Amino acid sequence: MAKDTSKEKTTNVVPLKPAGTLAENPKVLNQKWGKETMAANYAVIPSALIRGQARLGINATEFALLVHLIDHWWKPGEMPWPSKKTLAERLRVGEKTVQRAMAHLEEEGLIQRKKRFNKTGARTSNEYDLAPLVERLKPIAKDLVAASNDAKAIKKKAQRPGLKNRTPKKAAS
């Protein structure tokens, strides 16, 4: 006969806050940004991109360009394809500046430009594959998580009574 454990209390279990559901996220975003702003949609920018900008070797213009490409990236399997003209207008820079920034992002291994053609065979805007960026962000994110965990452990140790006053006990001679 199986033992009924449903009424037993477990004292060593720490309840965790459940992960936020998709329905909760818009509520939080509406509280932060306002419903009117959120009604115009939003883009998700990983903190690893923001905090890892220097590590990626990109300047402010190139970073802003990546943010705009991310804003155009709506579905995982469909990479963005905004025109250089649209990007230049949004960034308030010239198309040549966008071209140079795109070239540098490609040199840094963060994007891959792919030529696109319309039905008549004429060139149209490039597609910008962001998969290389995603891969480059993974080790940065891993390092950021590790640093955060290390900082938490150090803080926890520092909060223990007498930690800084403790000295190693000398062995009896």
Protein backbone atom coordinates (compact mmCIF):
# COMPACT_ATOMS: atom_id res chain seq x y z
CA MET A 1 0.00 0.00 0.00
CA ALA A 2 1.45 3.37 -1.01
CA LYS A 3 2.00 5.99 1.65
CA ASP A 4 -0.15 9.11 1.28
CA THR A 5 2.27 12.04 1.32
CA SER A 6 -0.12 14.70 0.06
CA LYS A 7 -0.73 16.07 3.58
CA GLU A 8 2.92 16.09 4.64
CA LYS A 9 4.66 19.45 4.74
CA THR A 10 8.12 19.80 3.34
CA THR A 11 10.10 22.44 5.20
CA ASN A 12 13.22 22.46 3.05
CA VAL A 13 11.53 23.52 -0.18
CA VAL A 14 11.86 27.16 -1.20
CA PRO A 15 8.89 28.28 -3.28
CA LEU A 16 9.98 29.92 -6.51
CA LYS A 17 8.11 32.67 -8.22
CA PRO A 18 6.64 31.14 -11.37
CA ALA A 19 8.01 32.42 -14.65
CA GLY A 20 5.96 35.25 -16.06
CA THR A 21 3.42 34.26 -18.63
CA LEU A 22 3.10 36.04 -21.94
CA ALA A 23 -0.13 37.58 -20.69
CA GLU A 24 1.72 39.19 -17.76
CA ASN A 25 4.53 40.73 -19.79
CA PRO A 26 2.36 43.25 -21.66
CA LYS A 27 0.92 44.37 -18.32
CA VAL A 28 4.39 45.12 -16.99
CA LEU A 29 5.39 46.84 -20.23
CA ASN A 30 2.19 48.91 -20.16
CA GLN A 31 3.01 49.97 -16.61
CA LYS A 32 6.53 51.00 -17.62
CA TRP A 33 5.89 52.61 -20.99
CA GLY A 34 2.14 53.33 -21.07
CA LYS A 35 -0.55 51.67 -23.16
CA GLU A 36 -0.34 54.28 -25.91
CA THR A 37 3.35 53.63 -26.46
CA MET A 38 2.99 49.85 -26.32
CA ALA A 39 0.11 49.96 -28.81
CA ALA A 40 2.74 50.84 -31.44
CA ASN A 41 4.47 47.48 -30.72
CA TYR A 42 7.94 46.84 -29.35
CA ALA A 43 11.18 45.00 -30.03
CA VAL A 44 13.05 42.79 -27.58
CA ILE A 45 16.72 43.74 -27.20
CA PRO A 46 18.85 41.27 -25.22
CA SER A 47 20.85 42.85 -22.40
CA ALA A 48 23.86 40.91 -23.70
CA LEU A 49 23.77 43.12 -26.81
CA ILE A 50 23.55 46.32 -24.81
CA ARG A 51 26.15 45.38 -22.20
CA GLY A 52 28.39 43.61 -24.70
CA GLN A 53 28.60 46.42 -27.25
CA ALA A 54 32.28 47.10 -26.62
CA ARG A 55 33.09 43.40 -26.65
CA LEU A 56 31.39 43.10 -30.03
CA GLY A 57 33.61 45.92 -31.35
CA ILE A 58 30.78 48.12 -32.59
CA ASN A 59 30.26 51.86 -32.34
CA ALA A 60 27.06 53.74 -31.50
CA THR A 61 25.88 53.96 -35.12
CA GLU A 62 26.41 50.25 -35.69
CA PHE A 63 24.63 49.46 -32.43
CA ALA A 64 21.68 51.65 -33.42
CA LEU A 65 21.60 49.97 -36.82
CA LEU A 66 21.41 46.53 -35.14
CA VAL A 67 18.55 47.78 -32.97
CA HIS A 68 16.67 48.89 -36.08
CA LEU A 69 17.32 45.56 -37.80
CA ILE A 70 16.01 43.78 -34.70
CA ASP A 71 12.93 46.01 -34.80
CA HIS A 72 12.25 44.66 -38.33
CA TRP A 73 12.83 41.03 -37.30
CA TRP A 74 9.32 39.78 -36.58
CA LYS A 75 9.53 36.00 -37.00
CA PRO A 76 12.38 33.60 -36.10
CA GLY A 77 12.62 32.06 -39.57
CA GLU A 78 12.26 35.30 -41.52
CA MET A 79 15.19 37.67 -41.39
CA PRO A 80 14.64 41.43 -41.77
CA TRP A 81 15.02 43.24 -45.07
CA PRO A 82 14.57 47.00 -44.55
CA SER A 83 16.00 49.24 -47.22
CA LYS A 84 19.12 51.28 -46.60
CA LYS A 85 17.03 54.38 -47.31
CA THR A 86 14.56 53.48 -44.54
CA LEU A 87 17.35 52.77 -42.09
CA ALA A 88 19.17 56.00 -43.01
CA GLU A 89 15.98 58.04 -42.52
CA ARG A 90 15.29 56.47 -39.12
CA LEU A 91 18.88 57.00 -37.95
CA ARG A 92 19.11 60.50 -39.51
CA VAL A 93 22.30 59.59 -41.35
CA GLY A 94 23.19 59.19 -45.00
CA GLU A 95 22.79 55.93 -46.93
CA LYS A 96 26.59 55.73 -47.29
CA THR A 97 26.87 55.76 -43.48
CA VAL A 98 24.43 52.85 -43.33
CA GLN A 99 26.42 51.00 -46.02
CA ARG A 100 29.70 51.50 -44.12
CA ALA A 101 28.11 50.41 -40.85
CA MET A 102 26.61 47.31 -42.51
CA ALA A 103 29.99 46.45 -44.01
CA HIS A 104 31.64 46.72 -40.59
CA LEU A 105 28.92 44.60 -38.94
CA GLU A 106 29.53 41.99 -41.61
CA GLU A 107 33.33 42.19 -41.13
CA GLU A 108 32.84 41.69 -37.38
CA GLY A 109 30.81 38.56 -38.13
CA LEU A 110 27.58 39.93 -36.67
CA ILE A 111 25.35 39.89 -39.75
CA GLN A 112 25.28 38.38 -43.22
CA ARG A 113 23.89 40.41 -46.07
CA LYS A 114 21.99 38.41 -48.66
CA LYS A 115 20.94 39.86 -52.00
CA ARG A 116 17.24 39.78 -52.82
CA PHE A 117 15.52 40.10 -56.18
CA ASN A 118 11.93 40.86 -57.14
CA LYS A 119 9.81 38.84 -59.60
CA THR A 120 11.30 40.61 -62.61
CA GLY A 121 14.85 39.87 -61.47
CA ALA A 122 15.64 43.42 -60.38
CA ARG A 123 17.55 44.00 -57.15
CA THR A 124 15.58 44.96 -54.06
CA SER A 125 16.61 45.50 -50.45
CA ASN A 126 19.04 43.05 -48.90
CA GLU A 127 18.04 40.49 -46.33
CA TYR A 128 20.07 40.76 -43.12
CA ASP A 129 20.73 37.45 -41.41
CA LEU A 130 21.10 38.04 -37.66
CA ALA A 131 21.97 34.43 -36.79
CA PRO A 132 25.70 35.30 -36.50
CA LEU A 133 24.79 38.02 -33.97
CA VAL A 134 22.75 35.53 -31.96
CA GLU A 135 25.73 33.15 -31.86
CA ARG A 136 28.17 35.91 -30.88
CA LEU A 137 25.87 36.97 -28.03
CA LYS A 138 25.70 33.50 -26.46
CA PRO A 139 29.18 33.54 -24.84
CA ILE A 140 28.65 37.15 -23.74
CA ALA A 141 25.35 36.19 -22.11
CA LYS A 142 26.99 33.19 -20.48
CA ASP A 143 29.74 35.42 -19.03
CA LEU A 144 27.19 37.96 -17.80
CA VAL A 145 25.18 35.24 -16.04
CA ALA A 146 28.34 33.78 -14.50
CA ALA A 147 29.46 37.22 -13.29
CA SER A 148 26.02 37.84 -11.78
CA ASN A 149 26.08 34.48 -10.00
CA ASP A 150 29.61 35.12 -8.72
CA ALA A 151 28.58 38.55 -7.43
CA LYS A 152 25.59 37.04 -5.63
CA ALA A 153 27.81 34.42 -3.99
CA ILE A 154 30.32 37.08 -2.87
CA LYS A 155 27.52 39.25 -1.50
CA LYS A 156 26.05 36.29 0.37
CA LYS A 157 29.44 35.49 1.91
CA ALA A 158 29.95 39.13 2.89
CA GLN A 159 26.60 39.19 4.69
CA ARG A 160 27.51 36.27 6.97
CA PRO A 161 28.40 37.40 10.49
CA GLY A 162 32.08 37.54 11.26
CA LEU A 163 33.23 36.62 7.78
CA LYS A 164 35.76 39.42 7.48
CA ASN A 165 37.00 38.94 11.06
CA ARG A 166 37.69 35.26 10.70
CA THR A 167 41.29 34.17 10.60
CA PRO A 168 42.48 30.67 9.85
CA LYS A 169 43.09 28.62 12.98
CA LYS A 170 46.73 27.78 13.56
CA ALA A 171 47.60 24.13 13.84
CA ALA A 172 48.74 23.01 17.28
CA SER A 173 52.50 22.47 17.43
